[in-house]
Structure formats: C-alpha cells, structure tokens
PDB file of N, CA and C in Angstrom:
ATOM      1  N   MET A   1     -28.044  21.408  -1.543  1.00  0.00           N
ATOM      2  CA  MET A   1     -26.949  21.564  -1.585  1.00  0.00           C
ATOM      3  C   MET A   1     -26.234  21.738  -3.093  1.00  0.00           C
ATOM      4  N   GLY A   2     -24.587  22.428  -2.955  1.00  0.00           N
ATOM      5  CA  GLY A   2     -24.199  22.027  -4.297  1.00  0.00           C
ATOM      6  C   GLY A   2     -23.868  20.816  -4.753  1.00  0.00           C
ATOM      7  N   LYS A   3     -23.578  21.365  -6.207  1.00  0.00           N
ATOM      8  CA  LYS A   3     -22.246  19.389  -6.661  1.00  0.00           C
ATOM      9  C   LYS A   3     -21.944  19.186  -6.087  1.00  0.00           C
ATOM     10  N   VAL A   4     -20.543  19.609  -5.840  1.00  0.00           N
ATOM     11  CA  VAL A   4     -19.277  19.443  -5.205  1.00  0.00           C
ATOM     12  C   VAL A   4     -20.016  18.386  -3.497  1.00  0.00           C
ATOM     13  N   GLU A   5     -20.433  19.125  -2.831  1.00  0.00           N
ATOM     14  CA  GLU A   5     -21.143  18.273  -2.223  1.00  0.00           C
ATOM     15  C   GLU A   5     -21.652  16.896  -2.047  1.00  0.00           C
ATOM     16  N   GLN A   6     -22.515  16.999  -3.117  1.00  0.00           N
ATOM     17  CA  GLN A   6     -22.947  15.716  -3.376  1.00  0.00           C
ATOM     18  C   GLN A   6     -22.474  14.491  -3.968  1.00  0.00           C
ATOM     19  N   ILE A   7     -21.841  15.858  -4.715  1.00  0.00           N
ATOM     20  CA  ILE A   7     -20.431  13.866  -5.062  1.00  0.00           C
ATOM     21  C   ILE A   7     -19.843  14.019  -3.953  1.00  0.00           C
ATOM     22  N   GLU A   8     -19.514  14.600  -2.934  1.00  0.00           N
ATOM     23  CA  GLU A   8     -18.619  13.977  -1.607  1.00  0.00           C
ATOM     24  C   GLU A   8     -19.744  12.951  -0.986  1.00  0.00           C
ATOM     25  N   ASN A   9     -20.327  12.754  -0.840  1.00  0.00           N
ATOM     26  CA  ASN A   9     -21.680  12.622  -0.415  1.00  0.00           C
ATOM     27  C   ASN A   9     -22.225  11.374  -1.097  1.00  0.00           C
ATOM     28  N   ASP A  10     -22.415  10.889  -2.242  1.00  0.00           N
ATOM     29  CA  ASP A  10     -22.232  10.221  -2.986  1.00  0.00           C
ATOM     30  C   ASP A  10     -21.339   8.740  -3.080  1.00  0.00           C
ATOM     31  N   VAL A  11     -19.698   9.761  -3.116  1.00  0.00           N
ATOM     32  CA  VAL A  11     -18.560   9.235  -2.649  1.00  0.00           C
ATOM     33  C   VAL A  11     -18.268   8.542  -1.672  1.00  0.00           C
ATOM     34  N   LYS A  12     -18.855   8.910  -0.983  1.00  0.00           N
ATOM     35  CA  LYS A  12     -18.546   8.406   0.716  1.00  0.00           C
ATOM     36  C   LYS A  12     -19.624   7.759   0.895  1.00  0.00           C
ATOM     37  N   ALA A  13     -21.144   7.061   0.330  1.00  0.00           N
ATOM     38  CA  ALA A  13     -22.000   6.101   0.303  1.00  0.00           C
ATOM     39  C   ALA A  13     -20.450   4.807  -0.328  1.00  0.00           C
ATOM     40  N   LEU A  14     -20.546   5.079  -1.410  1.00  0.00           N
ATOM     41  CA  LEU A  14     -20.123   4.091  -2.160  1.00  0.00           C
ATOM     42  C   LEU A  14     -19.290   2.810  -1.351  1.00  0.00           C
ATOM     43  N   SER A  15     -19.174   0.990  -1.768  1.00  0.00           N
ATOM     44  CA  SER A  15     -18.111   0.216  -1.344  1.00  0.00           C
ATOM     45  C   SER A  15     -16.942   0.220  -1.489  1.00  0.00           C
ATOM     46  N   ASP A  16     -16.789  -0.575  -0.366  1.00  0.00           N
ATOM     47  CA  ASP A  16     -14.833  -0.404  -1.086  1.00  0.00           C
ATOM     48  C   ASP A  16     -14.441  -0.718  -2.430  1.00  0.00           C
ATOM     49  N   LYS A  17     -15.440  -1.044  -2.693  1.00  0.00           N
ATOM     50  CA  LYS A  17     -14.801  -2.104  -4.620  1.00  0.00           C
ATOM     51  C   LYS A  17     -15.179  -1.014  -5.312  1.00  0.00           C
ATOM     52  N   GLU A  18     -16.417  -0.073  -4.192  1.00  0.00           N
ATOM     53  CA  GLU A  18     -16.960   1.001  -6.028  1.00  0.00           C
ATOM     54  C   GLU A  18     -15.928   2.339  -5.293  1.00  0.00           C
ATOM     55  N   LEU A  19     -15.189   1.955  -3.847  1.00  0.00           N
ATOM     56  CA  LEU A  19     -14.299   3.449  -4.095  1.00  0.00           C
ATOM     57  C   LEU A  19     -13.541   2.925  -4.793  1.00  0.00           C
ATOM     58  N   ALA A  20     -12.935   1.685  -4.754  1.00  0.00           N
ATOM     59  CA  ALA A  20     -11.485   1.329  -5.850  1.00  0.00           C
ATOM     60  C   ALA A  20     -11.971   1.687  -7.232  1.00  0.00           C
ATOM     61  N   GLU A  21     -12.774   1.084  -7.613  1.00  0.00           N
ATOM     62  CA  GLU A  21     -13.091   0.855  -9.018  1.00  0.00           C
ATOM     63  C   GLU A  21     -12.836   2.962  -9.519  1.00  0.00           C
ATOM     64  N   PHE A  22     -13.716   3.638  -8.264  1.00  0.00           N
ATOM     65  CA  PHE A  22     -13.757   5.427  -9.024  1.00  0.00           C
ATOM     66  C   PHE A  22     -12.892   5.821  -8.781  1.00  0.00           C
ATOM     67  N   ARG A  23     -11.597   5.300  -7.662  1.00  0.00           N
ATOM     68  CA  ARG A  23     -10.335   5.850  -7.951  1.00  0.00           C
ATOM     69  C   ARG A  23      -9.486   5.844  -8.738  1.00  0.00           C
ATOM     70  N   LYS A  24      -9.136   5.259  -9.699  1.00  0.00           N
ATOM     71  CA  LYS A  24      -8.868   4.178 -10.413  1.00  0.00           C
ATOM     72  C   LYS A  24      -9.128   5.327 -11.721  1.00  0.00           C
ATOM     73  N   TRP A  25     -10.757   6.111 -11.229  1.00  0.00           N
ATOM     74  CA  TRP A  25     -11.074   6.197 -12.718  1.00  0.00           C
ATOM     75  C   TRP A  25     -10.903   7.898 -13.171  1.00  0.00           C
ATOM     76  N   PHE A  26     -10.704   8.050 -11.674  1.00  0.00           N
ATOM     77  CA  PHE A  26     -10.662   9.160 -11.166  1.00  0.00           C
ATOM     78  C   PHE A  26      -9.280   9.475 -11.798  1.00  0.00           C
ATOM     79  N   SER A  27      -7.950   9.125 -10.999  1.00  0.00           N
ATOM     80  CA  SER A  27      -6.666   9.107 -11.463  1.00  0.00           C
ATOM     81  C   SER A  27      -6.431   9.104 -13.501  1.00  0.00           C
ATOM     82  N   GLU A  28      -7.149   8.207 -13.654  1.00  0.00           N
ATOM     83  CA  GLU A  28      -7.478   8.538 -14.828  1.00  0.00           C
ATOM     84  C   GLU A  28      -7.423   9.706 -15.994  1.00  0.00           C
ATOM     85  N   PHE A  29      -8.926  10.306 -15.199  1.00  0.00           N
ATOM     86  CA  PHE A  29      -9.440  11.035 -15.516  1.00  0.00           C
ATOM     87  C   PHE A  29      -8.866  12.245 -15.679  1.00  0.00           C
ATOM     88  N   ASP A  30      -8.124  12.458 -14.269  1.00  0.00           N
ATOM     89  CA  ASP A  30      -6.946  13.735 -13.802  1.00  0.00           C
ATOM     90  C   ASP A  30      -5.906  14.009 -14.288  1.00  0.00           C
ATOM     91  N   TRP A  31      -5.368  12.731 -14.559  1.00  0.00           N
ATOM     92  CA  TRP A  31      -3.563  12.314 -15.137  1.00  0.00           C
ATOM     93  C   TRP A  31      -4.243  13.284 -16.763  1.00  0.00           C
ATOM     94  N   ALA A  32      -5.859  12.463 -17.737  1.00  0.00           N
ATOM     95  CA  ALA A  32      -5.924  12.631 -19.411  1.00  0.00           C
ATOM     96  C   ALA A  32      -6.072  14.396 -19.043  1.00  0.00           C
ATOM     97  N   ALA A  33      -6.633  15.109 -17.644  1.00  0.00           N
ATOM     98  CA  ALA A  33      -7.306  16.801 -18.002  1.00  0.00           C
ATOM     99  C   ALA A  33      -5.756  17.407 -17.709  1.00  0.00           C
ATOM    100  N   TRP A  34      -4.924  16.710 -17.066  1.00  0.00           N
ATOM    101  CA  TRP A  34      -3.657  17.430 -16.965  1.00  0.00           C
ATOM    102  C   TRP A  34      -1.959  17.523 -17.946  1.00  0.00           C
ATOM    103  N   ASN A  35      -2.179  16.406 -18.252  1.00  0.00           N
ATOM    104  CA  ASN A  35      -1.780  16.334 -19.997  1.00  0.00           C
ATOM    105  C   ASN A  35      -2.430  17.211 -20.547  1.00  0.00           C
ATOM    106  N   GLY A  36      -3.599  17.765 -21.021  1.00  0.00           N
ATOM    107  CA  GLY A  36      -3.971  17.757 -21.609  1.00  0.00           C
ATOM    108  C   GLY A  36      -4.319  19.923 -22.261  1.00  0.00           C
ATOM    109  N   GLN A  37      -3.581  20.177 -20.555  1.00  0.00           N
ATOM    110  CA  GLN A  37      -3.713  21.401 -20.224  1.00  0.00           C
ATOM    111  C   GLN A  37      -1.980  21.156 -20.572  1.00  0.00           C
ATOM    112  N   VAL A  38      -1.194  20.379 -20.691  1.00  0.00           N
ATOM    113  CA  VAL A  38       0.863  20.527 -20.160  1.00  0.00           C
ATOM    114  C   VAL A  38       0.971  20.970 -22.009  1.00  0.00           C
ATOM    115  N   GLU A  39      -0.096  19.918 -22.647  1.00  0.00           N
ATOM    116  CA  GLU A  39      -0.076  19.489 -24.361  1.00  0.00           C
ATOM    117  C   GLU A  39      -0.578  21.181 -25.039  1.00  0.00           C
ATOM    118  N   GLN A  40      -1.647  21.992 -23.774  1.00  0.00           N
ATOM    119  CA  GLN A  40      -1.985  23.283 -24.539  1.00  0.00           C
ATOM    120  C   GLN A  40      -1.013  23.906 -23.950  1.00  0.00           C
ATOM    121  N   ASP A  41       0.061  23.901 -23.668  1.00  0.00           N
ATOM    122  CA  ASP A  41       0.601  25.248 -22.386  1.00  0.00           C
ATOM    123  C   ASP A  41       2.272  25.055 -23.077  1.00  0.00           C
ATOM    124  N   ILE A  42       2.347  23.921 -23.635  1.00  0.00           N
ATOM    125  CA  ILE A  42       3.928  23.931 -24.770  1.00  0.00           C
ATOM    126  C   ILE A  42       3.855  23.871 -26.500  1.00  0.00           C
ATOM    127  N   ARG A  43       1.513  24.165 -26.688  1.00  0.00           N
ATOM    128  CA  ARG A  43       1.783  24.479 -27.605  1.00  0.00           C
ATOM    129  C   ARG A  43       1.681  25.728 -28.250  1.00  0.00           C
ATOM    130  N   ALA A  44       0.784  26.658 -26.865  1.00  0.00           N
ATOM    131  CA  ALA A  44       1.095  28.022 -27.054  1.00  0.00           C
ATOM    132  C   ALA A  44       2.705  28.526 -26.193  1.00  0.00           C
ATOM    133  N   GLY A  45       3.367  28.022 -26.354  1.00  0.00           N
ATOM    134  CA  GLY A  45       4.809  28.306 -25.987  1.00  0.00           C
ATOM    135  C   GLY A  45       4.615  28.728 -24.202  1.00  0.00           C
ATOM    136  N   ARG A  46       4.946  28.221 -24.077  1.00  0.00           N
ATOM    137  CA  ARG A  46       4.489  29.095 -22.359  1.00  0.00           C
ATOM    138  C   ARG A  46       6.053  27.775 -21.786  1.00  0.00           C
ATOM    139  N   LEU A  47       6.015  27.068 -22.347  1.00  0.00           N
ATOM    140  CA  LEU A  47       7.193  26.420 -20.858  1.00  0.00           C
ATOM    141  C   LEU A  47       8.921  26.174 -22.455  1.00  0.00           C
ATOM    142  N   ASP A  48       8.076  26.974 -23.159  1.00  0.00           N
ATOM    143  CA  ASP A  48       9.289  27.502 -23.908  1.00  0.00           C
ATOM    144  C   ASP A  48      10.945  27.423 -23.141  1.00  0.00           C
ATOM    145  N   ALA A  49      10.693  29.213 -21.933  1.00  0.00           N
ATOM    146  CA  ALA A  49      11.475  29.603 -21.481  1.00  0.00           C
ATOM    147  C   ALA A  49      11.819  28.477 -20.135  1.00  0.00           C
ATOM    148  N   LEU A  50      11.975  27.767 -20.063  1.00  0.00           N
ATOM    149  CA  LEU A  50      12.420  26.572 -19.300  1.00  0.00           C
ATOM    150  C   LEU A  50      12.952  25.302 -19.720  1.00  0.00           C
ATOM    151  N   ALA A  51      12.008  25.445 -21.482  1.00  0.00           N
ATOM    152  CA  ALA A  51      13.209  24.184 -22.427  1.00  0.00           C
ATOM    153  C   ALA A  51      14.643  24.940 -22.619  1.00  0.00           C
ATOM    154  N   ASP A  52      14.223  26.466 -23.091  1.00  0.00           N
ATOM    155  CA  ASP A  52      15.829  27.140 -23.441  1.00  0.00           C
ATOM    156  C   ASP A  52      16.473  27.024 -22.167  1.00  0.00           C
ATOM    157  N   GLU A  53      16.559  27.113 -21.130  1.00  0.00           N
ATOM    158  CA  GLU A  53      16.561  27.047 -19.605  1.00  0.00           C
ATOM    159  C   GLU A  53      17.189  26.359 -19.392  1.00  0.00           C
ATOM    160  N   ALA A  54      17.221  25.147 -19.539  1.00  0.00           N
ATOM    161  CA  ALA A  54      17.106  23.332 -19.387  1.00  0.00           C
ATOM    162  C   ALA A  54      18.477  23.295 -20.712  1.00  0.00           C
ATOM    163  N   LEU A  55      18.254  23.830 -21.799  1.00  0.00           N
ATOM    164  CA  LEU A  55      19.284  23.596 -22.843  1.00  0.00           C
ATOM    165  C   LEU A  55      20.561  23.836 -22.461  1.00  0.00           C
ATOM    166  N   ALA A  56      20.391  25.243 -21.776  1.00  0.00           N
ATOM    167  CA  ALA A  56      20.912  26.096 -21.964  1.00  0.00           C
ATOM    168  C   ALA A  56      22.158  25.691 -20.336  1.00  0.00           C
ATOM    169  N   ASP A  57      21.701  24.928 -19.257  1.00  0.00           N
ATOM    170  CA  ASP A  57      22.349  24.243 -18.720  1.00  0.00           C
ATOM    171  C   ASP A  57      23.113  22.693 -18.725  1.00  0.00           C
ATOM    172  N   HIS A  58      22.334  22.664 -19.708  1.00  0.00           N
ATOM    173  CA  HIS A  58      23.123  20.570 -19.862  1.00  0.00           C
ATOM    174  C   HIS A  58      24.173  21.335 -20.919  1.00  0.00           C
ATOM    175  N   ALA A  59      24.574  22.477 -21.915  1.00  0.00           N
ATOM    176  CA  ALA A  59      25.089  22.659 -22.931  1.00  0.00           C
ATOM    177  C   ALA A  59      26.338  23.057 -21.756  1.00  0.00           C
ATOM    178  N   ALA A  60      26.008  23.828 -20.880  1.00  0.00           N
ATOM    179  CA  ALA A  60      27.386  25.018 -19.614  1.00  0.00           C
ATOM    180  C   ALA A  60      27.104  23.206 -19.042  1.00  0.00           C
ATOM    181  N   ARG A  61      27.071  22.649 -18.894  1.00  0.00           N
ATOM    182  CA  ARG A  61      27.932  20.887 -18.263  1.00  0.00           C
ATOM    183  C   ARG A  61      27.201  21.557 -16.841  1.00  0.00           C
ATOM    184  N   LYS A  62      26.013  21.919 -16.095  1.00  0.00           N
ATOM    185  CA  LYS A  62      25.289  21.930 -15.188  1.00  0.00           C
ATOM    186  C   LYS A  62      24.168  21.219 -14.979  1.00  0.00           C
ATOM    187  N   THR A  63      24.360  19.638 -15.431  1.00  0.00           N
ATOM    188  CA  THR A  63      23.652  18.664 -15.435  1.00  0.00           C
ATOM    189  C   THR A  63      23.990  17.748 -14.793  1.00  0.00           C
ATOM    190  N   THR A  64      24.131  16.838 -14.705  1.00  0.00           N
ATOM    191  CA  THR A  64      23.547  15.571 -13.738  1.00  0.00           C
ATOM    192  C   THR A  64      23.299  14.620 -14.629  1.00  0.00           C
ATOM    193  N   PRO A  65      24.130  13.669 -15.184  1.00  0.00           N
ATOM    194  CA  PRO A  65      23.938  11.746 -15.392  1.00  0.00           C
ATOM    195  C   PRO A  65      22.516  11.751 -14.696  1.00  0.00           C
ATOM    196  N   LEU A  66      22.309  11.142 -15.603  1.00  0.00           N
ATOM    197  CA  LEU A  66      20.732  10.020 -14.604  1.00  0.00           C
ATOM    198  C   LEU A  66      21.797   8.842 -13.807  1.00  0.00           C
TER     199      LEU A  66
END
C-alpha cells in the first residue's frame, strides 16, 4: 500500500471531530503551500506579463470599478 492510500484509509477512520480538525489543518497547510508558490512565481517574474497587461487595461480604461 502506498503512502496516499494509507493516508486515505487513516482519514476515513477519523471521528467527525478529528475530521473537522484535519480539514482545518489541511486547509491552512494547502493555503500556505499555494501562497508560497505564488510568492516564488512573483519573485521569479512569472506574473510580470499578467501584471503589465492588467495595468495597461486599467490605463486604457478597460476595467470596471469594484
């Protein structure tokens, strides 16, 4: 049995309270991982083209006020 299958089985065996605690922990863990990846992409300049396009659209009045 692989690690993922073992984790799946362990999660299935959690009580309702434990599952709620796990969901909260995993949500925070997943968000931190995603946020870290976005920060790396920003530092590496991978989002520069998107930012430039958004700024150009805004300057050309192609955006809608929130």
